[in-house]
Amino acid sequence: MNILSEIEAAGLVVSLAGDRLEISNPSRLTAELKNLMIANKQEIIKQLSGTQLQQDIREQIEERAAIMEYDGGLTRRDAEAAATAAIRVYCYRMKDKPTTELTVIMPGTELTEALEKMRNKYGDRLLDVYPSPYCIAGILVNTTKH
């Protein structure tokens, strides 16, 4: 059982607020669960971030598919396939926080173009841009285990 599943089994819901964890029903938080959450905070944040990214990617796909279906005359199935194939997700890091991995969704943008756009936006502050493990060649990878 992963950490989030254990927390949810106790009747708690954990959400991400920036780099803080917010807990519903804090009165149900036992000392044991609190210590578990403190010890595994980064892993919990990583799991919650992956879930939010998947939701954001799904919204991008649905929006692009709706446009392709309505404006392009594609069937919904074809529109969703084309929208999914166009999705590109990249991670980037900034020089002032080199260990913090940030994510950007750039549909239809290959890595070289994404790097150029990010350099135009952030200039010398940008450290690195690379494909996200959450999305490989337009295919959304399921990273949640709960």
Foldseek 3Di string as FASTA:
>chain_A
DDLQVVCVVLVWDWADDPLDIDIPPCVSQDPVNVVVCVVCVVVVVVQRVLVVVVVVLVVQLVVQLVCCCVVVVDDSVVSSVVSLLQWFKKWWAFPVGRVDIDMDIDGNDDPVRVVVVVCVVPPNRTDDMDGDPQADSSHGDDDHDD
